[in-house]
Amino acid sequence: MKKTLGLLAGFVAMLGCAEMWAADTSKPIKIGALFSVTGPAAFLGAPEAKTARMLTDQINARGGVLGRKLELVVKDTGGSPEKAVSFAKQLIEEEQVLAIIGPSTSGETMQIKGLCEENKMILISCAAAETIVSPVARYVFKTPQKDSQAILWIFQTMKEKGIRKMAVLSSNDGFGSAGKKQLEDLAKTEGMEIVVNEVYDKQATDLTDILTKVKGTAGVEAVVNWSIVPAQSIVAKNMRQIGLNVPLFQSHGFGNRKYVEQAGVAAEGILFPASRILVADELPESHPQKKILASYKKDYEALYKEDASAFGGYAYDAMLIVVEALRQANSVDRDKVRDAIENLKGFVGTSGVFNFSATDHTGLTMDAFEMLIVKDGKFAIYKAQ
C-alpha cells in the first residue's frame, strides 16, 4: 500500500512539473516552417519565409501568445520533396515544434502528409493541390483555395466568353497532376471539351513543340496551363512567338507579379483566379478582407521593398491560424490547438474567410477568388465584356 501511495505521489509530482513547464512563459512556442526559399520554387517560398518572419517579429513585439514568445524554425527545402521529408522529421523529432506551416509546393506536402498524420503533428500547408486535404487527414490543413474552385471559375469565365473547347497543359509534378485530374473530371460535368491534353516536364524551358501541336489542332478556343514556375511565363512567351492567338488561362499559382515581369508583353491578357491580395486597392472599404489585405500589403512592402503576393499571403494565413487557435484553445497542447483550428469560423485571412470543419480542412468557398487579368503589365479584376 505504501509503495502504491509512493508511486502515486511521484506521478502527481511529475504532473506538477509538466504543468509548471507548460506555464513557463520563458519557454518560446516553437513553430516549424518548410519553405522553398531557394531553388525553382523560390517565387513561392521566399515571400512565404519573409512573411512568416515578419509576423513572428510583430507578434513577439506585442507580447507573444499566451504570454510566451514565438520561435520560428525555418527550413529551406529548395522545392525538394526529399528535403521536405528530412526537415519535417527534424522539426518533429529534434525541434519538437507545436505545428508546421508549409511546404511551398504540393509535391512536397504530399510527401510529408502521412508523416505528420502519423506523428499527430499539425500541418498547415501553403500549397494548393486539393489532394492535400482530400481525403481529410486529421492533422493536415491548407490555406490556398481549392483546385476545383479555381477550375470552376475558369470554366465559368470561358462560358461567358463563348468558349467550350480547350487545350490543357500541365506539369509533371504534384500540383500539375492534381490540377490535370480536376480539369478532366470537371470538364465532363461542366459541358466543356478538352481537345488537346499534354503533360510536360516541370523544368521545361521551351514548350514550342507542344504549343505548335495545339495551334495545329482544329477547334482549340483557349489554352489552360496548370503549373508553377518556370512554365507559367514560358507558355505565354511561346504562344506569342508562334502566333497562337487564343486566350490563355493560368491556375491560381500565377499570383506573383514576377511571373508577369518574366513573360513581358506576352503576359498581357492572361486570365486567372486569384486571392484578392493582388487587387486589394480595388476593393471597396466595406469588403470583409479589405482591412487585413491593406495591413499585410503595407507591412510587407514597407519591410521588403517588393510587391506582396498571394504566396506570402498563404503563409500569413497559416501563421495567424495557428496563433488564433492557440488563443482560442488557451493552451499549447497540440490536440487542443488542432481542435481549435478545425472549429475556426469566420476567420478573415488574405485568401478569404475561413470556416473549417471536420470534413473541410481548407475552409474556403468559391467567393474566396476573384478572376483577374493582366492589363498593362499589372493585375486587375476581370470584367466580362
Protein backbone atom coordinates (compact mmCIF):
# COMPACT_ATOMS: atom_id res chain seq x y z
CA MET A 1 0.00 0.00 0.00
CA LYS A 2 2.81 2.38 0.95
CA LYS A 3 4.54 1.56 -2.32
CA THR A 4 1.37 2.33 -4.27
CA LEU A 5 0.94 5.64 -2.45
CA GLY A 6 4.59 6.46 -3.13
CA LEU A 7 4.17 5.80 -6.85
CA LEU A 8 1.01 7.88 -6.88
CA ALA A 9 2.77 10.75 -5.14
CA GLY A 10 5.60 10.53 -7.66
CA PHE A 11 3.12 10.61 -10.55
CA VAL A 12 1.37 13.67 -9.10
CA ALA A 13 4.75 15.37 -8.72
CA MET A 14 5.53 14.64 -12.37
CA LEU A 15 2.18 16.15 -13.39
CA GLY A 16 3.01 19.21 -11.35
CA CYS A 17 6.33 19.58 -13.16
CA ALA A 18 4.59 19.23 -16.52
CA GLU A 19 2.10 21.92 -15.56
CA MET A 20 4.90 24.21 -14.41
CA TRP A 21 6.68 23.69 -17.75
CA ALA A 22 3.51 24.42 -19.70
CA ALA A 23 3.01 27.60 -17.73
CA ASP A 24 6.68 28.65 -18.00
CA THR A 25 6.49 31.83 -20.05
CA SER A 26 10.27 31.82 -20.53
CA LYS A 27 9.94 28.93 -22.97
CA PRO A 28 9.02 30.03 -26.52
CA ILE A 29 6.31 28.33 -28.54
CA LYS A 30 8.09 26.72 -31.46
CA ILE A 31 6.51 26.77 -34.91
CA GLY A 32 8.26 24.98 -37.75
CA ALA A 33 8.24 26.17 -41.35
CA LEU A 34 9.15 24.33 -44.55
CA PHE A 35 9.59 26.77 -47.43
CA SER A 36 11.32 26.64 -50.79
CA VAL A 37 13.34 29.78 -50.09
CA THR A 38 15.78 28.88 -52.87
CA GLY A 39 15.52 26.74 -55.98
CA PRO A 40 12.94 26.64 -58.78
CA ALA A 41 10.01 27.34 -56.44
CA ALA A 42 11.65 30.31 -54.70
CA PHE A 43 8.95 32.65 -56.04
CA LEU A 44 6.63 30.72 -53.72
CA GLY A 45 8.85 30.04 -50.74
CA ALA A 46 10.85 33.26 -50.45
CA PRO A 47 7.83 35.53 -49.82
CA GLU A 48 6.37 32.86 -47.53
CA ALA A 49 9.50 32.79 -45.37
CA LYS A 50 9.72 36.59 -45.31
CA THR A 51 6.07 36.85 -44.31
CA ALA A 52 6.37 34.27 -41.53
CA ARG A 53 9.42 36.02 -40.08
CA MET A 54 7.73 39.41 -40.27
CA LEU A 55 4.65 38.12 -38.46
CA THR A 56 6.72 36.38 -35.79
CA ASP A 57 8.55 39.63 -35.04
CA GLN A 58 5.29 41.61 -34.97
CA ILE A 59 3.55 39.14 -32.64
CA ASN A 60 6.55 38.96 -30.31
CA ALA A 61 6.78 42.76 -30.21
CA ARG A 62 3.18 42.77 -28.95
CA GLY A 63 3.97 40.29 -26.18
CA GLY A 64 3.67 36.97 -27.98
CA VAL A 65 0.86 34.47 -27.48
CA LEU A 66 -0.41 33.24 -24.11
CA GLY A 67 2.34 35.29 -22.50
CA ARG A 68 5.04 33.44 -24.46
CA LYS A 69 7.18 34.44 -27.42
CA LEU A 70 7.05 32.58 -30.70
CA GLU A 71 10.15 30.91 -32.12
CA LEU A 72 10.01 30.29 -35.87
CA VAL A 73 12.23 27.47 -37.14
CA VAL A 74 12.54 27.80 -40.93
CA LYS A 75 13.98 25.06 -43.12
CA ASP A 76 14.75 25.74 -46.80
CA THR A 77 13.64 22.71 -48.81
CA GLY A 78 14.74 24.11 -52.16
CA GLY A 79 11.50 22.65 -53.52
CA SER A 80 12.76 19.10 -52.95
CA PRO A 81 10.26 16.53 -51.62
CA GLU A 82 13.18 14.52 -50.22
CA LYS A 83 14.48 17.51 -48.26
CA ALA A 84 10.95 18.27 -47.09
CA VAL A 85 10.71 14.79 -45.55
CA SER A 86 14.12 15.08 -43.87
CA PHE A 87 13.42 18.53 -42.47
CA ALA A 88 9.92 17.56 -41.34
CA LYS A 89 11.45 14.74 -39.30
CA GLN A 90 13.90 17.21 -37.76
CA LEU A 91 11.11 19.61 -36.82
CA ILE A 92 9.05 16.80 -35.29
CA GLU A 93 11.76 14.79 -33.52
CA GLU A 94 14.52 17.28 -32.70
CA GLU A 95 12.88 20.70 -32.59
CA GLN A 96 9.60 19.34 -31.17
CA VAL A 97 7.59 22.15 -32.73
CA LEU A 98 3.91 22.71 -31.98
CA ALA A 99 2.97 22.91 -35.67
CA ILE A 100 4.48 23.10 -39.14
CA ILE A 101 3.47 25.65 -41.77
CA GLY A 102 4.28 24.95 -45.41
CA PRO A 103 5.65 23.36 -47.53
CA SER A 104 5.51 25.67 -50.54
CA THR A 105 4.65 23.04 -53.16
CA SER A 106 2.03 20.32 -53.45
CA GLY A 107 4.55 17.59 -54.22
CA GLU A 108 6.47 18.30 -51.02
CA THR A 109 3.28 18.48 -48.98
CA MET A 110 2.03 15.13 -50.23
CA GLN A 111 5.36 13.55 -49.27
CA ILE A 112 5.03 14.65 -45.64
CA LYS A 113 1.25 14.43 -45.21
CA GLY A 114 1.38 10.85 -43.91
CA LEU A 115 4.41 11.58 -41.74
CA CYS A 116 2.65 14.45 -39.99
CA GLU A 117 -0.53 12.44 -39.57
CA GLU A 118 1.36 9.52 -38.03
CA ASN A 119 3.13 11.83 -35.58
CA LYS A 120 -0.02 13.83 -34.77
CA MET A 121 1.77 16.94 -35.98
CA ILE A 122 -0.34 19.91 -37.10
CA LEU A 123 0.48 20.76 -40.72
CA ILE A 124 -0.92 23.87 -42.40
CA SER A 125 0.26 23.65 -45.99
CA CYS A 126 0.83 26.68 -48.20
CA ALA A 127 0.39 24.56 -51.34
CA ALA A 128 -2.73 24.42 -53.46
CA ALA A 129 -3.48 20.86 -54.65
CA GLU A 130 -6.83 19.63 -53.38
CA THR A 131 -5.40 16.17 -52.71
CA ILE A 132 -3.63 17.69 -49.67
CA VAL A 133 -6.95 17.79 -47.84
CA SER A 134 -8.94 15.25 -49.83
CA PRO A 135 -9.27 12.80 -48.26
CA VAL A 136 -9.20 14.73 -45.00
CA ALA A 137 -6.35 13.88 -42.64
CA ARG A 138 -6.98 14.80 -39.01
CA TYR A 139 -3.87 16.97 -38.55
CA VAL A 140 -3.46 18.38 -42.08
CA PHE A 141 -4.93 21.70 -43.27
CA LYS A 142 -4.10 24.17 -46.05
CA THR A 143 -4.59 27.87 -46.76
CA PRO A 144 -4.72 28.22 -50.59
CA GLN A 145 -8.10 27.87 -52.25
CA LYS A 146 -9.15 24.54 -53.79
CA ASP A 147 -8.13 23.46 -57.29
CA SER A 148 -11.72 22.58 -58.13
CA GLN A 149 -12.93 26.05 -57.20
CA ALA A 150 -10.25 27.68 -59.34
CA ILE A 151 -11.21 25.48 -62.29
CA LEU A 152 -14.90 26.26 -61.90
CA TRP A 153 -14.03 29.97 -62.02
CA ILE A 154 -12.05 29.37 -65.23
CA PHE A 155 -14.88 27.38 -66.83
CA GLN A 156 -17.43 29.98 -65.79
CA THR A 157 -15.34 32.72 -67.43
CA MET A 158 -14.86 30.60 -70.54
CA LYS A 159 -18.62 30.13 -70.88
CA GLU A 160 -19.15 33.88 -70.56
CA LYS A 161 -16.70 34.30 -73.45
CA GLY A 162 -18.40 31.61 -75.53
CA ILE A 163 -15.52 29.14 -75.15
CA ARG A 164 -16.22 25.40 -74.88
CA LYS A 165 -13.14 23.70 -76.35
CA MET A 166 -9.69 23.98 -74.86
CA ALA A 167 -6.14 22.66 -74.76
CA VAL A 168 -4.91 21.64 -71.32
CA LEU A 169 -1.20 21.77 -70.50
CA SER A 170 0.10 20.60 -67.12
CA SER A 171 3.46 20.00 -65.46
CA ASN A 172 4.52 16.57 -64.24
CA ASP A 173 4.67 17.50 -60.56
CA GLY A 174 2.18 17.18 -57.70
CA PHE A 175 0.39 20.43 -58.46
CA GLY A 176 0.20 19.78 -62.19
CA SER A 177 -1.02 16.21 -61.81
CA ALA A 178 -3.72 17.13 -59.31
CA GLY A 179 -4.93 20.02 -61.48
CA LYS A 180 -4.97 17.89 -64.61
CA LYS A 181 -7.29 15.36 -62.98
CA GLN A 182 -9.60 18.08 -61.70
CA LEU A 183 -9.72 19.71 -65.15
CA GLU A 184 -10.60 16.39 -66.77
CA ASP A 185 -13.26 15.49 -64.21
CA LEU A 186 -14.91 18.91 -64.12
CA ALA A 187 -14.84 19.33 -67.91
CA LYS A 188 -17.22 16.38 -68.13
CA THR A 189 -19.67 17.74 -65.59
CA GLU A 190 -19.48 21.34 -66.85
CA GLY A 191 -20.04 20.60 -70.53
CA MET A 192 -16.51 21.59 -71.59
CA GLU A 193 -14.30 19.70 -74.04
CA ILE A 194 -10.55 19.10 -73.81
CA VAL A 195 -9.32 18.62 -77.38
CA VAL A 196 -5.59 18.59 -76.53
CA ASN A 197 -4.21 17.27 -73.24
CA GLU A 198 -0.42 17.48 -72.82
CA VAL A 199 1.92 16.92 -69.85
CA TYR A 200 5.40 18.46 -69.86
CA ASP A 201 8.48 18.29 -67.64
CA LYS A 202 8.25 20.69 -64.71
CA GLN A 203 11.70 22.10 -65.54
CA ALA A 204 10.95 22.64 -69.25
CA THR A 205 12.30 25.91 -70.64
CA ASP A 206 10.70 25.70 -74.09
CA LEU A 207 7.25 24.39 -74.95
CA THR A 208 7.17 25.41 -78.61
CA ASP A 209 6.68 21.82 -79.80
CA ILE A 210 3.60 21.24 -77.63
CA LEU A 211 2.09 24.63 -78.45
CA THR A 212 2.70 24.11 -82.17
CA LYS A 213 0.66 20.90 -81.85
CA VAL A 214 -2.06 22.91 -80.09
CA LYS A 215 -2.05 25.51 -82.85
CA GLY A 216 -2.42 22.79 -85.46
CA THR A 217 -5.41 21.17 -83.74
CA ALA A 218 -8.79 22.26 -85.04
CA GLY A 219 -11.28 23.65 -82.57
CA VAL A 220 -8.95 24.92 -79.82
CA GLU A 221 -10.55 28.08 -78.44
CA ALA A 222 -8.35 28.61 -75.36
CA VAL A 223 -5.33 27.23 -73.53
CA VAL A 224 -5.34 26.31 -69.82
CA ASN A 225 -1.91 25.93 -68.25
CA TRP A 226 -1.67 24.28 -64.82
CA SER A 227 1.79 24.64 -63.32
CA ILE A 228 4.12 26.70 -61.19
CA VAL A 229 7.47 28.07 -62.35
CA PRO A 230 9.10 28.22 -64.82
CA ALA A 231 6.44 27.28 -67.38
CA GLN A 232 3.91 29.93 -66.43
CA SER A 233 5.87 32.60 -68.27
CA ILE A 234 7.24 30.25 -70.93
CA VAL A 235 3.79 29.19 -72.17
CA ALA A 236 2.82 32.83 -72.67
CA LYS A 237 6.06 33.65 -74.49
CA ASN A 238 5.92 30.59 -76.77
CA MET A 239 2.26 31.22 -77.65
CA ARG A 240 3.13 34.75 -78.75
CA GLN A 241 6.20 33.58 -80.69
CA ILE A 242 4.22 31.09 -82.80
CA GLY A 243 1.15 33.30 -83.21
CA LEU A 244 -1.24 31.15 -81.16
CA ASN A 245 -3.84 33.85 -80.61
CA VAL A 246 -6.35 32.34 -78.20
CA PRO A 247 -6.97 33.27 -74.53
CA LEU A 248 -4.51 31.84 -72.00
CA PHE A 249 -5.87 30.84 -68.60
CA GLN A 250 -3.46 30.07 -65.76
CA SER A 251 -4.04 28.45 -62.37
CA HIS A 252 -4.18 30.37 -59.10
CA GLY A 253 -0.45 29.62 -58.91
CA PHE A 254 0.12 32.61 -61.21
CA GLY A 255 -0.37 35.08 -58.36
CA ASN A 256 3.02 36.82 -58.35
CA ARG A 257 3.94 39.94 -60.34
CA LYS A 258 7.36 38.42 -61.04
CA TYR A 259 5.73 35.94 -63.43
CA VAL A 260 4.31 38.86 -65.39
CA GLU A 261 7.70 40.53 -65.48
CA GLN A 262 9.30 37.34 -66.79
CA ALA A 263 6.72 36.95 -69.56
CA GLY A 264 6.89 40.62 -70.53
CA VAL A 265 4.40 41.75 -73.17
CA ALA A 266 3.35 38.12 -73.71
CA ALA A 267 1.62 38.20 -70.30
CA GLU A 268 -0.92 40.76 -71.50
CA GLY A 269 -4.45 39.37 -71.32
CA ILE A 270 -3.65 36.29 -69.20
CA LEU A 271 -6.68 35.31 -67.10
CA PHE A 272 -6.51 33.50 -63.75
CA PRO A 273 -8.45 33.13 -60.50
CA ALA A 274 -6.57 34.52 -57.51
CA SER A 275 -6.54 35.82 -53.97
CA ARG A 276 -7.62 39.43 -53.54
CA ILE A 277 -4.22 40.50 -52.17
CA LEU A 278 -3.24 41.21 -55.78
CA VAL A 279 -6.06 43.74 -56.21
CA ALA A 280 -6.52 44.91 -52.63
CA ASP A 281 -6.57 48.58 -53.67
CA GLU A 282 -9.56 47.99 -55.94
CA LEU A 283 -11.76 46.54 -53.19
CA PRO A 284 -14.45 48.69 -51.57
CA GLU A 285 -13.86 49.76 -47.96
CA SER A 286 -16.82 47.60 -46.91
CA HIS A 287 -15.23 44.37 -48.16
CA PRO A 288 -14.57 41.99 -45.22
CA GLN A 289 -10.98 41.36 -46.34
CA LYS A 290 -10.06 44.96 -47.12
CA LYS A 291 -8.53 45.78 -43.72
CA ILE A 292 -6.34 42.71 -43.37
CA LEU A 293 -5.21 42.83 -47.01
CA ALA A 294 -4.27 46.50 -46.74
CA SER A 295 -2.41 45.88 -43.47
CA TYR A 296 -0.43 42.91 -44.78
CA LYS A 297 0.38 44.60 -48.08
CA LYS A 298 1.55 47.80 -46.37
CA ASP A 299 3.72 46.00 -43.79
CA TYR A 300 5.29 43.55 -46.24
CA GLU A 301 6.06 46.09 -48.96
CA ALA A 302 7.48 48.61 -46.48
CA LEU A 303 9.77 46.00 -44.94
CA TYR A 304 10.93 44.12 -48.04
CA LYS A 305 10.58 46.72 -50.83
CA GLU A 306 8.78 44.30 -53.13
CA ASP A 307 5.18 43.54 -54.05
CA ALA A 308 3.17 41.34 -51.73
CA SER A 309 1.94 38.15 -53.41
CA ALA A 310 -0.73 35.52 -52.93
CA PHE A 311 2.01 33.10 -51.87
CA GLY A 312 3.21 35.23 -48.98
CA GLY A 313 -0.46 35.54 -48.12
CA TYR A 314 -0.74 31.77 -47.75
CA ALA A 315 1.97 31.85 -45.07
CA TYR A 316 0.35 34.90 -43.45
CA ASP A 317 -2.91 32.99 -43.07
CA ALA A 318 -1.17 29.82 -41.86
CA MET A 319 0.72 31.67 -39.11
CA LEU A 320 -2.32 33.61 -37.92
CA ILE A 321 -4.49 30.48 -37.93
CA VAL A 322 -2.02 28.79 -35.55
CA VAL A 323 -1.88 31.91 -33.36
CA GLU A 324 -5.66 32.28 -33.24
CA ALA A 325 -6.05 28.58 -32.43
CA LEU A 326 -3.55 28.94 -29.57
CA ARG A 327 -5.60 31.80 -28.18
CA GLN A 328 -8.91 30.00 -28.52
CA ALA A 329 -7.52 26.78 -27.04
CA ASN A 330 -5.77 28.81 -24.30
CA SER A 331 -3.25 26.01 -24.33
CA VAL A 332 -0.11 24.75 -26.07
CA ASP A 333 -1.47 21.21 -26.07
CA ARG A 334 -1.26 20.14 -29.72
CA ASP A 335 -4.56 18.25 -29.78
CA LYS A 336 -6.41 21.20 -28.25
CA VAL A 337 -4.83 23.56 -30.80
CA ARG A 338 -5.74 21.16 -33.63
CA ASP A 339 -9.34 21.06 -32.42
CA ALA A 340 -9.43 24.85 -32.26
CA ILE A 341 -8.22 25.10 -35.88
CA GLU A 342 -10.88 22.68 -37.06
CA ASN A 343 -13.54 24.76 -35.32
CA LEU A 344 -12.42 28.20 -36.55
CA LYS A 345 -15.34 30.05 -38.11
CA GLY A 346 -15.44 33.44 -39.82
CA PHE A 347 -11.65 33.80 -39.66
CA VAL A 348 -10.70 36.55 -42.13
CA GLY A 349 -7.42 35.92 -43.95
CA THR A 350 -5.72 37.07 -47.14
CA SER A 351 -7.05 34.06 -49.08
CA GLY A 352 -10.64 34.50 -47.95
CA VAL A 353 -12.88 33.97 -44.95
CA PHE A 354 -12.08 30.57 -43.41
CA ASN A 355 -14.73 28.26 -41.97
CA PHE A 356 -13.04 24.97 -41.13
CA SER A 357 -14.88 21.81 -40.13
CA ALA A 358 -14.23 18.11 -39.58
CA THR A 359 -14.96 17.49 -43.27
CA ASP A 360 -13.34 20.64 -44.73
CA HIS A 361 -9.69 21.40 -43.92
CA THR A 362 -9.44 24.22 -46.47
CA GLY A 363 -12.39 26.17 -45.16
CA LEU A 364 -12.83 28.41 -48.21
CA THR A 365 -15.66 28.68 -50.73
CA MET A 366 -15.88 29.91 -54.32
CA ASP A 367 -16.16 33.51 -53.16
CA ALA A 368 -12.55 33.40 -51.94
CA PHE A 369 -11.49 34.05 -55.57
CA GLU A 370 -11.53 36.95 -57.97
CA MET A 371 -10.95 36.40 -61.67
CA LEU A 372 -8.01 38.58 -62.63
CA ILE A 373 -6.49 39.71 -65.90
CA VAL A 374 -3.05 41.06 -66.75
CA LYS A 375 -3.60 44.57 -68.08
CA ASP A 376 -0.76 46.95 -68.94
CA GLY A 377 1.65 44.72 -67.03
CA LYS A 378 -0.46 44.80 -63.85
CA PHE A 379 -3.17 42.68 -62.26
CA ALA A 380 -6.75 43.93 -62.50
CA ILE A 381 -10.18 42.48 -61.68
CA TYR A 382 -11.60 40.96 -64.85
CA LYS A 383 -14.90 42.37 -66.00
CA ALA A 384 -16.89 40.37 -68.54
CA GLN A 385 -17.42 42.20 -71.83
